[in-house]
Amino acid sequence: MEDDDLGRLERLAAELESRGLIARVVRRPSGSPYVRVINPNATSLTENVVCRAADYWWSWGEPMHRADDPAGAATKVARVLAAVGE
């Protein structure tokens, strides 16, 4: 895990928070850190986003967005986690 990846995760978390989602960087003793995202209006809607190889990745292992554009990535996550009627 490079320091750049951690910084990218922190920037993504800030973008997600600005969109009204709950987001925090989770660091584990082993394994890569990730951003845990929760929709506060529908707490069953959650996602864990990792950063590797200069991209953000969905929890299911699919690349989501390039890591140099946290605002664009946050838009995608917010759309996926939106509750019906939001």
PDB file of N, CA and C in Angstrom:
ATOM      1  N   MET A   1       0.853  -1.190   0.000  1.00  0.00           N
ATOM      2  CA  MET A   1       0.000   0.000   0.000  1.00  0.00           C
ATOM      3  C   MET A   1       0.885   1.234   0.000  1.00  0.00           C
ATOM      4  N   GLU A   2       0.705   2.057  -0.968  1.00  0.00           N
ATOM      5  CA  GLU A   2       1.487   3.282  -1.046  1.00  0.00           C
ATOM      6  C   GLU A   2       0.763   4.402  -0.313  1.00  0.00           C
ATOM      7  N   ASP A   3       1.537   5.377   0.169  1.00  0.00           N
ATOM      8  CA  ASP A   3       0.934   6.527   0.827  1.00  0.00           C
ATOM      9  C   ASP A   3      -0.014   7.259  -0.106  1.00  0.00           C
ATOM     10  N   ASP A   4       0.299   7.276  -1.410  1.00  0.00           N
ATOM     11  CA  ASP A   4      -0.581   7.924  -2.382  1.00  0.00           C
ATOM     12  C   ASP A   4      -1.972   7.309  -2.355  1.00  0.00           C
ATOM     13  N   ASP A   5      -2.046   5.973  -2.242  1.00  0.00           N
ATOM     14  CA  ASP A   5      -3.347   5.306  -2.207  1.00  0.00           C
ATOM     15  C   ASP A   5      -4.149   5.727  -0.978  1.00  0.00           C
ATOM     16  N   LEU A   6      -3.492   5.841   0.160  1.00  0.00           N
ATOM     17  CA  LEU A   6      -4.173   6.279   1.377  1.00  0.00           C
ATOM     18  C   LEU A   6      -4.700   7.702   1.202  1.00  0.00           C
ATOM     19  N   GLY A   7      -3.896   8.583   0.627  1.00  0.00           N
ATOM     20  CA  GLY A   7      -4.343   9.946   0.363  1.00  0.00           C
ATOM     21  C   GLY A   7      -5.523   9.983  -0.594  1.00  0.00           C
ATOM     22  N   ARG A   8      -5.505   9.120  -1.588  1.00  0.00           N
ATOM     23  CA  ARG A   8      -6.626   9.047  -2.537  1.00  0.00           C
ATOM     24  C   ARG A   8      -7.892   8.577  -1.833  1.00  0.00           C
ATOM     25  N   LEU A   9      -7.752   7.618  -0.934  1.00  0.00           N
ATOM     26  CA  LEU A   9      -8.918   7.166  -0.173  1.00  0.00           C
ATOM     27  C   LEU A   9      -9.459   8.271   0.721  1.00  0.00           C
ATOM     28  N   GLU A  10      -8.570   9.039   1.325  1.00  0.00           N
ATOM     29  CA  GLU A  10      -9.009  10.145   2.181  1.00  0.00           C
ATOM     30  C   GLU A  10      -9.734  11.214   1.362  1.00  0.00           C
ATOM     31  N   ARG A  11      -9.245  11.500   0.166  1.00  0.00           N
ATOM     32  CA  ARG A  11      -9.925  12.484  -0.692  1.00  0.00           C
ATOM     33  C   ARG A  11     -11.287  11.968  -1.146  1.00  0.00           C
ATOM     34  N   LEU A  12     -11.377  10.685  -1.435  1.00  0.00           N
ATOM     35  CA  LEU A  12     -12.667  10.101  -1.808  1.00  0.00           C
ATOM     36  C   LEU A  12     -13.645  10.188  -0.643  1.00  0.00           C
ATOM     37  N   ALA A  13     -13.183   9.860   0.551  1.00  0.00           N
ATOM     38  CA  ALA A  13     -14.056   9.932   1.725  1.00  0.00           C
ATOM     39  C   ALA A  13     -14.592  11.352   1.925  1.00  0.00           C
ATOM     40  N   ALA A  14     -13.749  12.344   1.736  1.00  0.00           N
ATOM     41  CA  ALA A  14     -14.193  13.740   1.873  1.00  0.00           C
ATOM     42  C   ALA A  14     -15.246  14.076   0.824  1.00  0.00           C
ATOM     43  N   GLU A  15     -15.059  13.623  -0.410  1.00  0.00           N
ATOM     44  CA  GLU A  15     -16.044  13.871  -1.470  1.00  0.00           C
ATOM     45  C   GLU A  15     -17.372  13.193  -1.146  1.00  0.00           C
ATOM     46  N   LEU A  16     -17.305  11.981  -0.629  1.00  0.00           N
ATOM     47  CA  LEU A  16     -18.526  11.259  -0.281  1.00  0.00           C
ATOM     48  C   LEU A  16     -19.269  11.945   0.858  1.00  0.00           C
ATOM     49  N   GLU A  17     -18.523  12.400   1.857  1.00  0.00           N
ATOM     50  CA  GLU A  17     -19.130  13.142   2.975  1.00  0.00           C
ATOM     51  C   GLU A  17     -19.819  14.403   2.469  1.00  0.00           C
ATOM     52  N   SER A  18     -19.219  15.082   1.505  1.00  0.00           N
ATOM     53  CA  SER A  18     -19.819  16.315   0.981  1.00  0.00           C
ATOM     54  C   SER A  18     -21.127  16.031   0.238  1.00  0.00           C
ATOM     55  N   ARG A  19     -21.356  14.788  -0.130  1.00  0.00           N
ATOM     56  CA  ARG A  19     -22.597  14.385  -0.798  1.00  0.00           C
ATOM     57  C   ARG A  19     -23.615  13.822   0.193  1.00  0.00           C
ATOM     58  N   GLY A  20     -23.322  13.924   1.486  1.00  0.00           N
ATOM     59  CA  GLY A  20     -24.270  13.493   2.510  1.00  0.00           C
ATOM     60  C   GLY A  20     -24.166  12.037   2.914  1.00  0.00           C
ATOM     61  N   LEU A  21     -23.151  11.347   2.432  1.00  0.00           N
ATOM     62  CA  LEU A  21     -22.945   9.957   2.819  1.00  0.00           C
ATOM     63  C   LEU A  21     -22.000   9.892   4.013  1.00  0.00           C
ATOM     64  N   ILE A  22     -22.064   8.806   4.751  1.00  0.00           N
ATOM     65  CA  ILE A  22     -21.115   8.570   5.831  1.00  0.00           C
ATOM     66  C   ILE A  22     -19.947   7.809   5.218  1.00  0.00           C
ATOM     67  N   ALA A  23     -18.746   8.328   5.367  1.00  0.00           N
ATOM     68  CA  ALA A  23     -17.583   7.687   4.759  1.00  0.00           C
ATOM     69  C   ALA A  23     -16.383   7.835   5.693  1.00  0.00           C
ATOM     70  N   ARG A  24     -15.671   6.718   5.845  1.00  0.00           N
ATOM     71  CA  ARG A  24     -14.439   6.779   6.637  1.00  0.00           C
ATOM     72  C   ARG A  24     -13.439   5.788   6.085  1.00  0.00           C
ATOM     73  N   VAL A  25     -12.186   6.142   6.231  1.00  0.00           N
ATOM     74  CA  VAL A  25     -11.118   5.253   5.812  1.00  0.00           C
ATOM     75  C   VAL A  25     -10.887   4.247   6.937  1.00  0.00           C
ATOM     76  N   VAL A  26     -10.925   2.970   6.589  1.00  0.00           N
ATOM     77  CA  VAL A  26     -10.703   1.890   7.547  1.00  0.00           C
ATOM     78  C   VAL A  26      -9.321   1.309   7.274  1.00  0.00           C
ATOM     79  N   ARG A  27      -8.513   1.279   8.317  1.00  0.00           N
ATOM     80  CA  ARG A  27      -7.162   0.698   8.216  1.00  0.00           C
ATOM     81  C   ARG A  27      -7.134  -0.538   9.106  1.00  0.00           C
ATOM     82  N   ARG A  28      -6.692  -1.634   8.535  1.00  0.00           N
ATOM     83  CA  ARG A  28      -6.634  -2.897   9.258  1.00  0.00           C
ATOM     84  C   ARG A  28      -5.170  -3.268   9.516  1.00  0.00           C
ATOM     85  N   PRO A  29      -4.924  -4.095  10.535  1.00  0.00           N
ATOM     86  CA  PRO A  29      -3.551  -4.530  10.783  1.00  0.00           C
ATOM     87  C   PRO A  29      -2.947  -5.261   9.580  1.00  0.00           C
ATOM     88  N   SER A  30      -3.766  -6.015   8.874  1.00  0.00           N
ATOM     89  CA  SER A  30      -3.295  -6.677   7.658  1.00  0.00           C
ATOM     90  C   SER A  30      -4.314  -6.409   6.552  1.00  0.00           C
ATOM     91  N   GLY A  31      -3.839  -6.330   5.359  1.00  0.00           N
ATOM     92  CA  GLY A  31      -4.732  -6.033   4.246  1.00  0.00           C
ATOM     93  C   GLY A  31      -4.733  -4.554   3.914  1.00  0.00           C
ATOM     94  N   SER A  32      -5.329  -4.250   2.798  1.00  0.00           N
ATOM     95  CA  SER A  32      -5.357  -2.869   2.317  1.00  0.00           C
ATOM     96  C   SER A  32      -6.440  -2.061   3.014  1.00  0.00           C
ATOM     97  N   PRO A  33      -6.187  -0.775   3.230  1.00  0.00           N
ATOM     98  CA  PRO A  33      -7.243   0.082   3.750  1.00  0.00           C
ATOM     99  C   PRO A  33      -8.319   0.268   2.686  1.00  0.00           C
ATOM    100  N   TYR A  34      -9.471   0.714   3.114  1.00  0.00           N
ATOM    101  CA  TYR A  34     -10.588   0.946   2.207  1.00  0.00           C
ATOM    102  C   TYR A  34     -11.473   2.042   2.776  1.00  0.00           C
ATOM    103  N   VAL A  35     -12.356   2.563   1.947  1.00  0.00           N
ATOM    104  CA  VAL A  35     -13.346   3.528   2.412  1.00  0.00           C
ATOM    105  C   VAL A  35     -14.655   2.776   2.627  1.00  0.00           C
ATOM    106  N   ARG A  36     -15.182   2.850   3.827  1.00  0.00           N
ATOM    107  CA  ARG A  36     -16.490   2.285   4.165  1.00  0.00           C
ATOM    108  C   ARG A  36     -17.501   3.399   3.965  1.00  0.00           C
ATOM    109  N   VAL A  37     -18.490   3.158   3.108  1.00  0.00           N
ATOM    110  CA  VAL A  37     -19.488   4.175   2.776  1.00  0.00           C
ATOM    111  C   VAL A  37     -20.871   3.662   3.156  1.00  0.00           C
ATOM    112  N   ILE A  38     -21.655   4.521   3.802  1.00  0.00           N
ATOM    113  CA  ILE A  38     -23.010   4.167   4.225  1.00  0.00           C
ATOM    114  C   ILE A  38     -23.944   5.306   3.844  1.00  0.00           C
ATOM    115  N   ASN A  39     -25.100   4.945   3.302  1.00  0.00           N
ATOM    116  CA  ASN A  39     -26.150   5.933   3.061  1.00  0.00           C
ATOM    117  C   ASN A  39     -26.896   6.105   4.377  1.00  0.00           C
ATOM    118  N   PRO A  40     -26.844   7.285   5.012  1.00  0.00           N
ATOM    119  CA  PRO A  40     -27.490   7.461   6.318  1.00  0.00           C
ATOM    120  C   PRO A  40     -29.018   7.391   6.245  1.00  0.00           C
ATOM    121  N   ASN A  41     -29.581   7.531   5.055  1.00  0.00           N
ATOM    122  CA  ASN A  41     -31.035   7.456   4.893  1.00  0.00           C
ATOM    123  C   ASN A  41     -31.522   6.028   4.653  1.00  0.00           C
ATOM    124  N   ALA A  42     -30.605   5.127   4.396  1.00  0.00           N
ATOM    125  CA  ALA A  42     -30.918   3.713   4.168  1.00  0.00           C
ATOM    126  C   ALA A  42     -29.655   2.935   4.519  1.00  0.00           C
ATOM    127  N   THR A  43     -29.456   2.673   5.813  1.00  0.00           N
ATOM    128  CA  THR A  43     -28.174   2.163   6.290  1.00  0.00           C
ATOM    129  C   THR A  43     -27.832   0.757   5.787  1.00  0.00           C
ATOM    130  N   SER A  44     -28.767   0.079   5.155  1.00  0.00           N
ATOM    131  CA  SER A  44     -28.427  -1.212   4.555  1.00  0.00           C
ATOM    132  C   SER A  44     -27.690  -1.015   3.229  1.00  0.00           C
ATOM    133  N   LEU A  45     -27.690   0.206   2.700  1.00  0.00           N
ATOM    134  CA  LEU A  45     -26.973   0.515   1.465  1.00  0.00           C
ATOM    135  C   LEU A  45     -25.554   0.944   1.832  1.00  0.00           C
ATOM    136  N   THR A  46     -24.604   0.033   1.622  1.00  0.00           N
ATOM    137  CA  THR A  46     -23.208   0.268   1.993  1.00  0.00           C
ATOM    138  C   THR A  46     -22.290  -0.199   0.875  1.00  0.00           C
ATOM    139  N   GLU A  47     -21.076   0.267   0.924  1.00  0.00           N
ATOM    140  CA  GLU A  47     -20.053  -0.172  -0.037  1.00  0.00           C
ATOM    141  C   GLU A  47     -18.685   0.038   0.595  1.00  0.00           C
ATOM    142  N   ASN A  48     -17.739  -0.823   0.229  1.00  0.00           N
ATOM    143  CA  ASN A  48     -16.336  -0.668   0.599  1.00  0.00           C
ATOM    144  C   ASN A  48     -15.562  -0.441  -0.683  1.00  0.00           C
ATOM    145  N   VAL A  49     -14.820   0.663  -0.747  1.00  0.00           N
ATOM    146  CA  VAL A  49     -14.057   1.017  -1.942  1.00  0.00           C
ATOM    147  C   VAL A  49     -12.572   0.943  -1.610  1.00  0.00           C
ATOM    148  N   VAL A  50     -11.818   0.261  -2.450  1.00  0.00           N
ATOM    149  CA  VAL A  50     -10.365   0.199  -2.277  1.00  0.00           C
ATOM    150  C   VAL A  50      -9.693   0.996  -3.392  1.00  0.00           C
ATOM    151  N   CYS A  51      -8.424   1.297  -3.187  1.00  0.00           N
ATOM    152  CA  CYS A  51      -7.639   1.995  -4.194  1.00  0.00           C
ATOM    153  C   CYS A  51      -6.396   1.175  -4.462  1.00  0.00           C
ATOM    154  N   ARG A  52      -6.204   0.840  -5.730  1.00  0.00           N
ATOM    155  CA  ARG A  52      -4.983   0.138  -6.121  1.00  0.00           C
ATOM    156  C   ARG A  52      -4.733   0.390  -7.598  1.00  0.00           C
ATOM    157  N   ALA A  53      -3.487   0.415  -7.941  1.00  0.00           N
ATOM    158  CA  ALA A  53      -3.068   0.641  -9.334  1.00  0.00           C
ATOM    159  C   ALA A  53      -3.670   1.924  -9.899  1.00  0.00           C
ATOM    160  N   ALA A  54      -3.728   2.970  -9.070  1.00  0.00           N
ATOM    161  CA  ALA A  54      -4.222   4.294  -9.467  1.00  0.00           C
ATOM    162  C   ALA A  54      -5.684   4.294  -9.871  1.00  0.00           C
ATOM    163  N   ASP A  55      -6.446   3.310  -9.392  1.00  0.00           N
ATOM    164  CA  ASP A  55      -7.888   3.262  -9.641  1.00  0.00           C
ATOM    165  C   ASP A  55      -8.623   2.953  -8.345  1.00  0.00           C
ATOM    166  N   TYR A  56      -9.881   3.382  -8.282  1.00  0.00           N
ATOM    167  CA  TYR A  56     -10.788   2.949  -7.228  1.00  0.00           C
ATOM    168  C   TYR A  56     -11.481   1.697  -7.723  1.00  0.00           C
ATOM    169  N   TRP A  57     -11.733   0.759  -6.796  1.00  0.00           N
ATOM    170  CA  TRP A  57     -12.345  -0.513  -7.135  1.00  0.00           C
ATOM    171  C   TRP A  57     -13.553  -0.765  -6.231  1.00  0.00           C
ATOM    172  N   TRP A  58     -14.608  -1.324  -6.827  1.00  0.00           N
ATOM    173  CA  TRP A  58     -15.776  -1.766  -6.059  1.00  0.00           C
ATOM    174  C   TRP A  58     -15.389  -2.962  -5.201  1.00  0.00           C
ATOM    175  N   SER A  59     -16.177  -3.241  -4.188  1.00  0.00           N
ATOM    176  CA  SER A  59     -15.889  -4.365  -3.285  1.00  0.00           C
ATOM    177  C   SER A  59     -15.941  -5.711  -4.002  1.00  0.00           C
ATOM    178  N   TRP A  60     -16.653  -5.793  -5.103  1.00  0.00           N
ATOM    179  CA  TRP A  60     -16.758  -7.067  -5.825  1.00  0.00           C
ATOM    180  C   TRP A  60     -15.622  -7.268  -6.828  1.00  0.00           C
ATOM    181  N   GLY A  61     -14.609  -6.395  -6.785  1.00  0.00           N
ATOM    182  CA  GLY A  61     -13.408  -6.598  -7.577  1.00  0.00           C
ATOM    183  C   GLY A  61     -13.412  -5.995  -8.963  1.00  0.00           C
ATOM    184  N   GLU A  62     -14.362  -5.130  -9.243  1.00  0.00           N
ATOM    185  CA  GLU A  62     -14.425  -4.474 -10.551  1.00  0.00           C
ATOM    186  C   GLU A  62     -13.891  -3.045 -10.431  1.00  0.00           C
ATOM    187  N   PRO A  63     -13.045  -2.622 -11.388  1.00  0.00           N
ATOM    188  CA  PRO A  63     -12.588  -1.229 -11.335  1.00  0.00           C
ATOM    189  C   PRO A  63     -13.763  -0.276 -11.483  1.00  0.00           C
ATOM    190  N   MET A  64     -13.751   0.815 -10.710  1.00  0.00           N
ATOM    191  CA  MET A  64     -14.866   1.740 -10.691  1.00  0.00           C
ATOM    192  C   MET A  64     -14.543   3.061 -11.387  1.00  0.00           C
ATOM    193  N   HIS A  65     -13.393   3.648 -11.063  1.00  0.00           N
ATOM    194  CA  HIS A  65     -13.066   4.982 -11.569  1.00  0.00           C
ATOM    195  C   HIS A  65     -11.590   5.239 -11.325  1.00  0.00           C
ATOM    196  N   ARG A  66     -11.027   6.139 -12.076  1.00  0.00           N
ATOM    197  CA  ARG A  66      -9.610   6.462 -11.861  1.00  0.00           C
ATOM    198  C   ARG A  66      -9.450   7.280 -10.573  1.00  0.00           C
ATOM    199  N   ALA A  67      -8.379   7.015  -9.883  1.00  0.00           N
ATOM    200  CA  ALA A  67      -8.185   7.587  -8.547  1.00  0.00           C
ATOM    201  C   ALA A  67      -7.777   9.052  -8.559  1.00  0.00           C
ATOM    202  N   ASP A  68      -7.414   9.607  -9.711  1.00  0.00           N
ATOM    203  CA  ASP A  68      -7.068  11.030  -9.741  1.00  0.00           C
ATOM    204  C   ASP A  68      -8.310  11.905  -9.891  1.00  0.00           C
ATOM    205  N   ASP A  69      -9.507  11.317  -9.828  1.00  0.00           N
ATOM    206  CA  ASP A  69     -10.769  12.050  -9.929  1.00  0.00           C
ATOM    207  C   ASP A  69     -11.729  11.579  -8.829  1.00  0.00           C
ATOM    208  N   PRO A  70     -11.442  11.950  -7.556  1.00  0.00           N
ATOM    209  CA  PRO A  70     -12.308  11.493  -6.472  1.00  0.00           C
ATOM    210  C   PRO A  70     -13.741  12.008  -6.582  1.00  0.00           C
ATOM    211  N   ALA A  71     -13.931  13.180  -7.174  1.00  0.00           N
ATOM    212  CA  ALA A  71     -15.295  13.709  -7.327  1.00  0.00           C
ATOM    213  C   ALA A  71     -16.107  12.822  -8.277  1.00  0.00           C
ATOM    214  N   GLY A  72     -15.506  12.405  -9.374  1.00  0.00           N
ATOM    215  CA  GLY A  72     -16.193  11.525 -10.305  1.00  0.00           C
ATOM    216  C   GLY A  72     -16.507  10.179  -9.673  1.00  0.00           C
ATOM    217  N   ALA A  73     -15.561   9.647  -8.903  1.00  0.00           N
ATOM    218  CA  ALA A  73     -15.789   8.374  -8.213  1.00  0.00           C
ATOM    219  C   ALA A  73     -16.907   8.515  -7.180  1.00  0.00           C
ATOM    220  N   ALA A  74     -16.911   9.621  -6.441  1.00  0.00           N
ATOM    221  CA  ALA A  74     -17.944   9.840  -5.431  1.00  0.00           C
ATOM    222  C   ALA A  74     -19.324   9.926  -6.073  1.00  0.00           C
ATOM    223  N   THR A  75     -19.415  10.521  -7.240  1.00  0.00           N
ATOM    224  CA  THR A  75     -20.691  10.595  -7.951  1.00  0.00           C
ATOM    225  C   THR A  75     -21.201   9.194  -8.266  1.00  0.00           C
ATOM    226  N   LYS A  76     -20.319   8.315  -8.719  1.00  0.00           N
ATOM    227  CA  LYS A  76     -20.720   6.941  -9.030  1.00  0.00           C
ATOM    228  C   LYS A  76     -21.181   6.198  -7.777  1.00  0.00           C
ATOM    229  N   VAL A  77     -20.427   6.313  -6.700  1.00  0.00           N
ATOM    230  CA  VAL A  77     -20.795   5.628  -5.456  1.00  0.00           C
ATOM    231  C   VAL A  77     -22.129   6.160  -4.942  1.00  0.00           C
ATOM    232  N   ALA A  78     -22.303   7.472  -4.956  1.00  0.00           N
ATOM    233  CA  ALA A  78     -23.554   8.066  -4.483  1.00  0.00           C
ATOM    234  C   ALA A  78     -24.740   7.572  -5.299  1.00  0.00           C
ATOM    235  N   ARG A  79     -24.555   7.422  -6.601  1.00  0.00           N
ATOM    236  CA  ARG A  79     -25.634   6.930  -7.462  1.00  0.00           C
ATOM    237  C   ARG A  79     -25.984   5.481  -7.103  1.00  0.00           C
ATOM    238  N   VAL A  80     -24.974   4.655  -6.880  1.00  0.00           N
ATOM    239  CA  VAL A  80     -25.218   3.254  -6.543  1.00  0.00           C
ATOM    240  C   VAL A  80     -25.888   3.110  -5.173  1.00  0.00           C
ATOM    241  N   LEU A  81     -25.525   3.965  -4.230  1.00  0.00           N
ATOM    242  CA  LEU A  81     -26.067   3.868  -2.882  1.00  0.00           C
ATOM    243  C   LEU A  81     -27.327   4.688  -2.648  1.00  0.00           C
ATOM    244  N   ALA A  82     -27.845   5.322  -3.674  1.00  0.00           N
ATOM    245  CA  ALA A  82     -29.039   6.155  -3.518  1.00  0.00           C
ATOM    246  C   ALA A  82     -30.255   5.268  -3.213  1.00  0.00           C
ATOM    247  N   ALA A  83     -31.025   5.694  -2.236  1.00  0.00           N
ATOM    248  CA  ALA A  83     -32.280   5.002  -1.924  1.00  0.00           C
ATOM    249  C   ALA A  83     -33.347   5.464  -2.909  1.00  0.00           C
ATOM    250  N   VAL A  84     -34.354   4.639  -3.106  1.00  0.00           N
ATOM    251  CA  VAL A  84     -35.462   5.009  -3.987  1.00  0.00           C
ATOM    252  C   VAL A  84     -36.064   6.323  -3.492  1.00  0.00           C
ATOM    253  N   GLY A  85     -36.224   7.276  -4.384  1.00  0.00           N
ATOM    254  CA  GLY A  85     -36.812   8.566  -4.026  1.00  0.00           C
ATOM    255  C   GLY A  85     -35.809   9.611  -3.608  1.00  0.00           C
ATOM    256  N   GLU A  86     -34.532   9.246  -3.512  1.00  0.00           N
ATOM    257  CA  GLU A  86     -33.510  10.248  -3.150  1.00  0.00           C
ATOM    258  C   GLU A  86     -33.111  11.048  -4.361  1.00  0.00           C
TER     259      GLU A  86
END
